C-alpha atoms as a PDB file:
ATOM      1  CA  MET A   1     145.740  97.209 107.777  1.00  0.00           C
ATOM      2  CA  ALA A   2     143.182  99.197 105.690  1.00  0.00           C
ATOM      3  CA  GLN A   3     139.711  98.042 106.521  1.00  0.00           C
ATOM      4  CA  LEU A   4     138.642  97.607 102.823  1.00  0.00           C
ATOM      5  CA  ALA A   5     142.010  96.551 101.299  1.00  0.00           C
ATOM      6  CA  GLY A   6     141.602  94.584  98.113  1.00  0.00           C
ATOM      7  CA  LYS A   7     137.714  95.264  97.932  1.00  0.00           C
ATOM      8  CA  ALA A   8     135.736  97.013  95.107  1.00  0.00           C
ATOM      9  CA  ALA A   9     133.084  99.513  96.307  1.00  0.00           C
ATOM     10  CA  LEU A  10     130.426 101.096  94.488  1.00  0.00           C
ATOM     11  CA  VAL A  11     128.910 104.448  95.592  1.00  0.00           C
ATOM     12  CA  ALA A  12     125.667 105.667  93.929  1.00  0.00           C
ATOM     13  CA  GLY A  13     125.383 109.465  94.451  1.00  0.00           C
ATOM     14  CA  GLY A  14     129.193 109.678  94.897  1.00  0.00           C
ATOM     15  CA  GLY A  15     129.505 113.200  93.321  1.00  0.00           C
ATOM     16  CA  THR A  16     128.529 115.208  96.349  1.00  0.00           C
ATOM     17  CA  GLY A  17     128.013 115.332 100.054  1.00  0.00           C
ATOM     18  CA  ILE A  18     127.666 112.085 101.841  1.00  0.00           C
ATOM     19  CA  GLY A  19     128.419 109.940  98.765  1.00  0.00           C
ATOM     20  CA  ARG A  20     131.582 111.905  97.969  1.00  0.00           C
ATOM     21  CA  ALA A  21     132.856 111.758 101.649  1.00  0.00           C
ATOM     22  CA  THR A  22     132.044 108.001 101.738  1.00  0.00           C
ATOM     23  CA  ALA A  23     133.850 107.332  98.511  1.00  0.00           C
ATOM     24  CA  ALA A  24     136.977 109.164  99.499  1.00  0.00           C
ATOM     25  CA  LEU A  25     136.903 107.311 102.791  1.00  0.00           C
ATOM     26  CA  PHE A  26     136.563 103.932 101.324  1.00  0.00           C
ATOM     27  CA  ALA A  27     139.357 104.680  98.996  1.00  0.00           C
ATOM     28  CA  ALA A  28     141.478 105.794 101.896  1.00  0.00           C
ATOM     29  CA  GLU A  29     140.831 102.535 103.506  1.00  0.00           C
ATOM     30  CA  GLY A  30     142.052 100.594 100.489  1.00  0.00           C
ATOM     31  CA  ALA A  31     139.061 100.083  98.340  1.00  0.00           C
ATOM     32  CA  ARG A  32     138.881 100.717  94.567  1.00  0.00           C
ATOM     33  CA  VAL A  33     135.797 102.882  94.215  1.00  0.00           C
ATOM     34  CA  ALA A  34     133.174 103.377  91.378  1.00  0.00           C
ATOM     35  CA  VAL A  35     131.094 106.327  91.694  1.00  0.00           C
ATOM     36  CA  PHE A  36     127.734 106.909  89.940  1.00  0.00           C
ATOM     37  CA  GLY A  37     125.311 109.825  89.337  1.00  0.00           C
ATOM     38  CA  ARG A  38     123.476 111.954  86.882  1.00  0.00           C
ATOM     39  CA  HIS A  39     126.144 114.804  86.703  1.00  0.00           C
ATOM     40  CA  GLU A  40     129.464 114.129  85.120  1.00  0.00           C
ATOM     41  CA  ALA A  41     131.370 116.998  86.515  1.00  0.00           C
ATOM     42  CA  PRO A  42     131.039 116.385  90.292  1.00  0.00           C
ATOM     43  CA  LEU A  43     131.795 112.657  89.701  1.00  0.00           C
ATOM     44  CA  ALA A  44     134.989 113.800  87.824  1.00  0.00           C
ATOM     45  CA  GLU A  45     135.926 115.896  90.886  1.00  0.00           C
ATOM     46  CA  THR A  46     135.450 112.830  93.258  1.00  0.00           C
ATOM     47  CA  VAL A  47     137.586 110.573  91.130  1.00  0.00           C
ATOM     48  CA  ASP A  48     140.172 113.217  90.614  1.00  0.00           C
ATOM     49  CA  ALA A  49     140.448 113.680  94.482  1.00  0.00           C
ATOM     50  CA  ILE A  50     140.822 109.842  95.038  1.00  0.00           C
ATOM     51  CA  ARG A  51     143.477 109.417  92.264  1.00  0.00           C
ATOM     52  CA  LYS A  52     145.483 112.397  93.652  1.00  0.00           C
ATOM     53  CA  ALA A  53     145.324 110.844  97.040  1.00  0.00           C
ATOM     54  CA  GLY A  54     146.830 107.590  95.514  1.00  0.00           C
ATOM     55  CA  GLY A  55     143.607 105.687  95.074  1.00  0.00           C
ATOM     56  CA  GLU A  56     141.923 103.993  92.215  1.00  0.00           C
ATOM     57  CA  ALA A  57     138.514 105.233  91.004  1.00  0.00           C
ATOM     58  CA  LEU A  58     136.291 105.327  88.036  1.00  0.00           C
ATOM     59  CA  ALA A  59     132.943 107.107  87.297  1.00  0.00           C
ATOM     60  CA  VAL A  60     129.785 106.165  85.518  1.00  0.00           C
ATOM     61  CA  THR A  61     127.026 108.660  84.666  1.00  0.00           C
ATOM     62  CA  GLY A  62     123.332 107.649  84.983  1.00  0.00           C
ATOM     63  CA  ASP A  63     119.909 107.625  86.695  1.00  0.00           C
ATOM     64  CA  VAL A  64     119.738 105.385  89.792  1.00  0.00           C
ATOM     65  CA  GLY A  65     116.057 104.863  89.070  1.00  0.00           C
ATOM     66  CA  SER A  66     116.995 103.200  85.566  1.00  0.00           C
ATOM     67  CA  GLU A  67     117.650  99.579  85.530  1.00  0.00           C
ATOM     68  CA  THR A  68     119.639  99.925  82.313  1.00  0.00           C
ATOM     69  CA  ASP A  69     121.976 102.805  83.968  1.00  0.00           C
ATOM     70  CA  VAL A  70     122.376 100.837  87.059  1.00  0.00           C
ATOM     71  CA  PHE A  71     123.288  97.549  85.520  1.00  0.00           C
ATOM     72  CA  ARG A  72     125.783  99.374  83.240  1.00  0.00           C
ATOM     73  CA  PHE A  73     127.275 100.952  86.505  1.00  0.00           C
ATOM     74  CA  VAL A  74     127.694  97.557  88.076  1.00  0.00           C
ATOM     75  CA  THR A  75     128.996  95.907  84.816  1.00  0.00           C
ATOM     76  CA  THR A  76     131.518  98.636  84.362  1.00  0.00           C
ATOM     77  CA  ALA A  77     133.005  98.058  87.888  1.00  0.00           C
ATOM     78  CA  TRP A  78     132.863  94.229  87.447  1.00  0.00           C
ATOM     79  CA  SER A  79     134.657  94.475  84.040  1.00  0.00           C
ATOM     80  CA  ALA A  80     137.445  96.797  85.696  1.00  0.00           C
ATOM     81  CA  TRP A  81     138.019  94.887  88.841  1.00  0.00           C
ATOM     82  CA  GLY A  82     136.371  91.519  88.486  1.00  0.00           C
ATOM     83  CA  ARG A  83     134.470  91.813  91.898  1.00  0.00           C
ATOM     84  CA  VAL A  84     132.008  93.936  93.638  1.00  0.00           C
ATOM     85  CA  ASP A  85     132.115  93.762  97.439  1.00  0.00           C
ATOM     86  CA  VAL A  86     130.281  96.788  98.689  1.00  0.00           C
ATOM     87  CA  ALA A  87     127.537  99.040  97.408  1.00  0.00           C
ATOM     88  CA  VAL A  88     126.536 102.306  99.036  1.00  0.00           C
ATOM     89  CA  ASN A  89     123.283 103.902  97.886  1.00  0.00           C
ATOM     90  CA  SER A  90     123.669 107.601  98.632  1.00  0.00           C
ATOM     91  CA  ALA A  91     121.452 108.855  95.712  1.00  0.00           C
ATOM     92  CA  GLY A  92     118.301 110.803  96.606  1.00  0.00           C
ATOM     93  CA  ILE A  93     116.022 113.773  96.049  1.00  0.00           C
ATOM     94  CA  ARG A  94     113.815 115.715  98.506  1.00  0.00           C
ATOM     95  CA  LEU A  95     110.648 117.568  97.940  1.00  0.00           C
ATOM     96  CA  ARG A  96     109.560 120.180 100.369  1.00  0.00           C
ATOM     97  CA  ALA A  97     105.776 121.256 100.268  1.00  0.00           C
ATOM     98  CA  PRO A  98     102.480 120.836 101.776  1.00  0.00           C
ATOM     99  CA  ILE A  99     100.593 117.536 100.839  1.00  0.00           C
ATOM    100  CA  ALA A 100      97.956 119.896  99.153  1.00  0.00           C
ATOM    101  CA  GLN A 101     100.616 121.428  96.810  1.00  0.00           C
ATOM    102  CA  ILE A 102     102.236 118.187  95.776  1.00  0.00           C
ATOM    103  CA  SER A 103     101.305 116.417  92.542  1.00  0.00           C
ATOM    104  CA  ALA A 104     100.970 112.679  92.124  1.00  0.00           C
ATOM    105  CA  ALA A 105     103.525 112.943  89.455  1.00  0.00           C
ATOM    106  CA  ASP A 106     106.117 114.703  91.894  1.00  0.00           C
ATOM    107  CA  PHE A 107     105.324 112.382  94.667  1.00  0.00           C
ATOM    108  CA  ALA A 108     105.977 109.401  92.380  1.00  0.00           C
ATOM    109  CA  GLU A 109     109.385 110.931  91.194  1.00  0.00           C
ATOM    110  CA  VAL A 110     110.644 111.120  94.794  1.00  0.00           C
ATOM    111  CA  LEU A 111     109.689 107.361  95.389  1.00  0.00           C
ATOM    112  CA  ARG A 112     111.162 106.452  92.027  1.00  0.00           C
ATOM    113  CA  VAL A 113     114.528 107.898  92.792  1.00  0.00           C
ATOM    114  CA  ASN A 114     114.788 107.158  96.664  1.00  0.00           C
ATOM    115  CA  LEU A 115     112.956 103.845  96.730  1.00  0.00           C
ATOM    116  CA  VAL A 116     112.830 102.340  93.337  1.00  0.00           C
ATOM    117  CA  GLY A 117     116.415 103.362  92.921  1.00  0.00           C
ATOM    118  CA  ALA A 118     117.318 101.545  96.130  1.00  0.00           C
ATOM    119  CA  PHE A 119     115.539  98.455  94.861  1.00  0.00           C
ATOM    120  CA  VAL A 120     117.219  98.739  91.407  1.00  0.00           C
ATOM    121  CA  LEU A 121     120.867  98.942  93.022  1.00  0.00           C
ATOM    122  CA  THR A 122     120.167  96.068  95.470  1.00  0.00           C
ATOM    123  CA  LYS A 123     118.900  93.875  92.526  1.00  0.00           C
ATOM    124  CA  ALA A 124     121.839  94.710  90.293  1.00  0.00           C
ATOM    125  CA  VAL A 125     124.671  94.234  92.729  1.00  0.00           C
ATOM    126  CA  ALA A 126     123.485  91.159  94.383  1.00  0.00           C
ATOM    127  CA  PRO A 127     124.380  88.605  91.463  1.00  0.00           C
ATOM    128  CA  ALA A 128     127.907  90.132  91.492  1.00  0.00           C
ATOM    129  CA  MET A 129     128.307  89.927  95.252  1.00  0.00           C
ATOM    130  CA  ARG A 130     126.937  86.329  95.321  1.00  0.00           C
ATOM    131  CA  ALA A 131     129.485  85.389  92.629  1.00  0.00           C
ATOM    132  CA  GLY A 132     132.292  86.713  94.838  1.00  0.00           C
ATOM    133  CA  GLY A 133     131.020  84.837  98.055  1.00  0.00           C
ATOM    134  CA  GLY A 134     129.268  87.825  99.691  1.00  0.00           C
ATOM    135  CA  GLY A 135     129.200  91.498 100.189  1.00  0.00           C
ATOM    136  CA  SER A 136     127.661  94.451 102.036  1.00  0.00           C
ATOM    137  CA  ILE A 137     124.901  96.900 100.884  1.00  0.00           C
ATOM    138  CA  VAL A 138     124.544 100.023 102.685  1.00  0.00           C
ATOM    139  CA  HIS A 139     121.605 102.324 102.001  1.00  0.00           C
ATOM    140  CA  ILE A 140     121.464 105.906 103.070  1.00  0.00           C
ATOM    141  CA  GLY A 141     118.017 106.261 104.803  1.00  0.00           C
ATOM    142  CA  SER A 142     117.013 109.100 107.113  1.00  0.00           C
ATOM    143  CA  ALA A 143     115.857 109.919 110.548  1.00  0.00           C
ATOM    144  CA  MET A 144     112.734 111.058 108.761  1.00  0.00           C
ATOM    145  CA  GLY A 145     112.223 107.419 107.878  1.00  0.00           C
ATOM    146  CA  THR A 146     111.494 106.937 111.444  1.00  0.00           C
ATOM    147  CA  ALA A 147     110.113 110.409 112.741  1.00  0.00           C
ATOM    148  CA  ALA A 148     107.749 112.094 110.337  1.00  0.00           C
ATOM    149  CA  THR A 149     108.135 115.789 109.644  1.00  0.00           C
ATOM    150  CA  ALA A 150     105.598 118.165 108.176  1.00  0.00           C
ATOM    151  CA  ASP A 151     105.859 119.329 104.549  1.00  0.00           C
ATOM    152  CA  PHE A 152     108.157 116.403 103.488  1.00  0.00           C
ATOM    153  CA  SER A 153     105.739 113.668 102.819  1.00  0.00           C
ATOM    154  CA  PRO A 154     107.254 112.183  99.637  1.00  0.00           C
ATOM    155  CA  TYR A 155     110.562 111.948 101.324  1.00  0.00           C
ATOM    156  CA  VAL A 156     109.423 110.654 104.657  1.00  0.00           C
ATOM    157  CA  ALA A 157     107.407 107.919 102.719  1.00  0.00           C
ATOM    158  CA  SER A 158     110.379 107.031 100.393  1.00  0.00           C
ATOM    159  CA  LYS A 159     112.901 106.731 103.503  1.00  0.00           C
ATOM    160  CA  ALA A 160     110.445 104.671 105.559  1.00  0.00           C
ATOM    161  CA  GLY A 161     109.980 102.388 102.585  1.00  0.00           C
ATOM    162  CA  LEU A 162     113.724 102.160 101.998  1.00  0.00           C
ATOM    163  CA  HIS A 163     114.165 101.069 105.666  1.00  0.00           C
ATOM    164  CA  GLN A 164     111.684  98.144 105.161  1.00  0.00           C
ATOM    165  CA  LEU A 165     113.100  97.256 101.654  1.00  0.00           C
ATOM    166  CA  ALA A 166     116.669  97.098 103.410  1.00  0.00           C
ATOM    167  CA  ARG A 167     115.275  94.694 106.139  1.00  0.00           C
ATOM    168  CA  ALA A 168     113.383  92.535 103.541  1.00  0.00           C
ATOM    169  CA  ALA A 169     116.467  92.383 101.354  1.00  0.00           C
ATOM    170  CA  ALA A 170     118.553  91.537 104.326  1.00  0.00           C
ATOM    171  CA  ILE A 171     116.646  88.480 105.046  1.00  0.00           C
ATOM    172  CA  GLU A 172     116.431  87.356 101.583  1.00  0.00           C
ATOM    173  CA  LEU A 173     119.967  87.731 100.749  1.00  0.00           C
ATOM    174  CA  VAL A 174     121.518  86.315 104.055  1.00  0.00           C
ATOM    175  CA  GLY A 175     121.903  82.908 102.395  1.00  0.00           C
ATOM    176  CA  ASP A 176     124.326  84.585  99.856  1.00  0.00           C
ATOM    177  CA  ARG A 177     126.468  86.112 102.554  1.00  0.00           C
ATOM    178  CA  ILE A 178     125.118  89.586 101.553  1.00  0.00           C
ATOM    179  CA  ARG A 179     124.623  91.802 104.403  1.00  0.00           C
ATOM    180  CA  VAL A 180     122.081  94.845 103.794  1.00  0.00           C
ATOM    181  CA  ASN A 181     121.900  97.726 106.325  1.00  0.00           C
ATOM    182  CA  VAL A 182     120.880 101.262 106.528  1.00  0.00           C
ATOM    183  CA  VAL A 183     122.662 104.475 107.823  1.00  0.00           C
ATOM    184  CA  ALA A 184     119.894 106.986 108.825  1.00  0.00           C
ATOM    185  CA  PRO A 185     121.339 110.365 109.235  1.00  0.00           C
ATOM    186  CA  GLY A 186     119.657 113.302 110.906  1.00  0.00           C
ATOM    187  CA  THR A 187     120.393 117.007 109.813  1.00  0.00           C
ATOM    188  CA  ILE A 188     123.656 116.981 108.027  1.00  0.00           C
ATOM    189  CA  ASP A 189     125.720 119.995 107.189  1.00  0.00           C
ATOM    190  CA  THR A 190     125.775 119.291 103.397  1.00  0.00           C
ATOM    191  CA  ASP A 191     125.660 121.975 100.786  1.00  0.00           C
ATOM    192  CA  ILE A 192     121.852 122.056 101.233  1.00  0.00           C
ATOM    193  CA  GLY A 193     122.314 122.461 104.954  1.00  0.00           C
ATOM    194  CA  GLN A 194     124.785 125.352 104.428  1.00  0.00           C
ATOM    195  CA  GLN A 195     121.870 127.288 102.765  1.00  0.00           C
ATOM    196  CA  ILE A 196     119.917 127.275 105.995  1.00  0.00           C
ATOM    197  CA  PRO A 197     119.760 130.620 107.743  1.00  0.00           C
ATOM    198  CA  ALA A 198     121.871 130.911 110.972  1.00  0.00           C
ATOM    199  CA  PHE A 199     118.839 131.195 113.085  1.00  0.00           C
ATOM    200  CA  ARG A 200     117.269 128.011 111.748  1.00  0.00           C
ATOM    201  CA  ALA A 201     120.676 126.264 112.210  1.00  0.00           C
ATOM    202  CA  ARG A 202     120.457 127.169 115.948  1.00  0.00           C
ATOM    203  CA  MET A 203     116.949 125.931 116.099  1.00  0.00           C
ATOM    204  CA  LEU A 204     118.052 122.609 114.766  1.00  0.00           C
ATOM    205  CA  GLU A 205     120.979 122.412 116.965  1.00  0.00           C
ATOM    206  CA  HIS A 206     118.786 123.103 119.941  1.00  0.00           C
ATOM    207  CA  ARG A 207     116.700 120.078 119.108  1.00  0.00           C
ATOM    208  CA  ILE A 208     119.729 117.644 118.687  1.00  0.00           C
ATOM    209  CA  PRO A 209     120.937 116.369 122.015  1.00  0.00           C
ATOM    210  CA  ILE A 210     124.678 116.321 120.861  1.00  0.00           C
ATOM    211  CA  GLY A 211     124.247 120.150 120.246  1.00  0.00           C
ATOM    212  CA  ARG A 212     125.459 120.372 116.475  1.00  0.00           C
ATOM    213  CA  LEU A 213     124.609 119.414 112.886  1.00  0.00           C
ATOM    214  CA  GLY A 214     125.936 116.271 111.646  1.00  0.00           C
ATOM    215  CA  ARG A 215     128.878 116.173 109.200  1.00  0.00           C
ATOM    216  CA  VAL A 216     129.144 114.202 106.012  1.00  0.00           C
ATOM    217  CA  GLU A 217     132.301 112.363 107.630  1.00  0.00           C
ATOM    218  CA  ASP A 218     130.104 111.317 110.652  1.00  0.00           C
ATOM    219  CA  VAL A 219     127.803 109.252 107.926  1.00  0.00           C
ATOM    220  CA  ALA A 220     130.735 108.116 105.837  1.00  0.00           C
ATOM    221  CA  HIS A 221     132.372 106.518 109.049  1.00  0.00           C
ATOM    222  CA  ALA A 222     129.240 104.704 109.739  1.00  0.00           C
ATOM    223  CA  CYS A 223     128.964 103.433 106.206  1.00  0.00           C
ATOM    224  CA  LEU A 224     132.623 102.297 106.712  1.00  0.00           C
ATOM    225  CA  TYR A 225     131.727 100.247 109.707  1.00  0.00           C
ATOM    226  CA  LEU A 226     128.832  98.473 107.926  1.00  0.00           C
ATOM    227  CA  ALA A 227     130.940  97.916 104.770  1.00  0.00           C
ATOM    228  CA  ALA A 228     133.940  96.421 106.594  1.00  0.00           C
ATOM    229  CA  ASP A 229     134.317  92.824 107.769  1.00  0.00           C
ATOM    230  CA  THR A 230     134.135  93.838 111.351  1.00  0.00           C
ATOM    231  CA  ALA A 231     130.448  94.207 110.988  1.00  0.00           C
ATOM    232  CA  ALA A 232     130.190  90.701 109.689  1.00  0.00           C
ATOM    233  CA  TYR A 233     127.196  89.822 112.206  1.00  0.00           C
ATOM    234  CA  VAL A 234     125.218  93.029 111.348  1.00  0.00           C
ATOM    235  CA  THR A 235     122.430  92.720 108.812  1.00  0.00           C
ATOM    236  CA  GLY A 236     119.049  94.280 108.605  1.00  0.00           C
ATOM    237  CA  ALA A 237     120.001  97.084 110.795  1.00  0.00           C
ATOM    238  CA  ILE A 238     119.016 100.830 110.873  1.00  0.00           C
ATOM    239  CA  LEU A 239     121.911 102.687 112.329  1.00  0.00           C
ATOM    240  CA  ALA A 240     120.956 106.168 113.453  1.00  0.00           C
ATOM    241  CA  VAL A 241     123.524 109.034 112.967  1.00  0.00           C
ATOM    242  CA  ASP A 242     121.440 111.842 114.119  1.00  0.00           C
ATOM    243  CA  GLY A 243     123.046 113.127 117.318  1.00  0.00           C
ATOM    244  CA  GLY A 244     120.246 111.514 119.301  1.00  0.00           C
ATOM    245  CA  TRP A 245     117.453 113.389 117.528  1.00  0.00           C
ATOM    246  CA  THR A 246     115.163 110.359 117.026  1.00  0.00           C
ATOM    247  CA  ALA A 247     115.934 109.034 120.561  1.00  0.00           C
ATOM    248  CA  ALA A 248     114.700 112.418 122.140  1.00  0.00           C
END
């Protein structure tokens, strides 16, 4: 039996990369999937692929840092399906520069999208999940939320904050049968990763005990585990999907 049969799943950042792979996997496992993001075209591509594979999907455009946009996203899914069982937050941005070259405004923008956006999505889906008897929220964190890296201070700070936000929400929402967890990827071979020169990729592989970059499917399957009822006893967890990088 499909692991998400009969469930409705929301995926913020569902137009590309990890979000798209997760949306496709959830649909293949029986979920009706709503995807959300700032750009209409990639969302439409995700929805089209799901529908062509026999699944049910819809898209809503908006900014994950906007309460108005995120509540519209949740309301649209609720209106369509009368339930919200799973929410995956894969929306995020990254800024690479030394601290001395980063403005306070740019630092704040990374936190607005990566951390405030996670808070807004959690706040928005909780009432719908509560009304349905519970649910699962999965945030995409990062190995850099645990192990800091130079020249990524806004991203590192936002993901470390996200990890703690998820833990706090897990404790607060446990009485509503809502589980909150984090998948913390390492270096994943997304479109951004493919722009890394070959020599840089070899350096990254050398530092990863498993010996390769991660794939979006690796992260999507971790999200599926946390979303499904088989993880009913898991909440407040930070699940590393980094090939052993943070362990080493």
